[in-house]
Amino acid sequence: MELPALYDFAKKQNIEVLPFPLKQNGSMSLMSDSGQCFVGMDASVLDGDVREKVHLAHELGHCATGSFYNVYAAIDHRQRHENRADKWAIRRLVPVQALDDAVADGCTELWSLAERFGVTETFMRKAVCYYVHGNLATTLYF
């Protein structure tokens, strides 16, 4: 899924994507009391390329899975919701069959896989962990 398709998904799902200063995180999603989802994106990630694509997919993952938390949530509760959003994004940006095809074609280095799929190396590490080990614990495997 490319960046324009992510924006199309957001539009079809009535998810507003807005420029918003978020220097620390780069992006954020929230759901209003009425159930409307919003995604805020910092100017630093609105590059029309890899960073924007990864941030937007992750935030749309929060909206699509309903994985939200507040500042008072326990860290394990937060991580569970972050993982759900990441897994949703991974399935859209790096589908398992496409990853298998890329590896079969000889594309086996993380940097080359990230380049091929138009994602960051950090995101590609998560994708590989998810498909190979069933989790997102990149520190255990890389």
Foldseek 3Di string as FASTA:
>chain_A
DADVVLVVVCVVVQEAEEADADVPPQKAWDADPVGHIYIYGYPVQPPSFASVLQRSQLRVQCSVVVLDDDPPDDPVSNVVSSFSSLVSSLCVQPNPVNVVVCVVVVQDDLVSVCVVSRYDSLSSLQSCCCVPVVGRPSVVPD
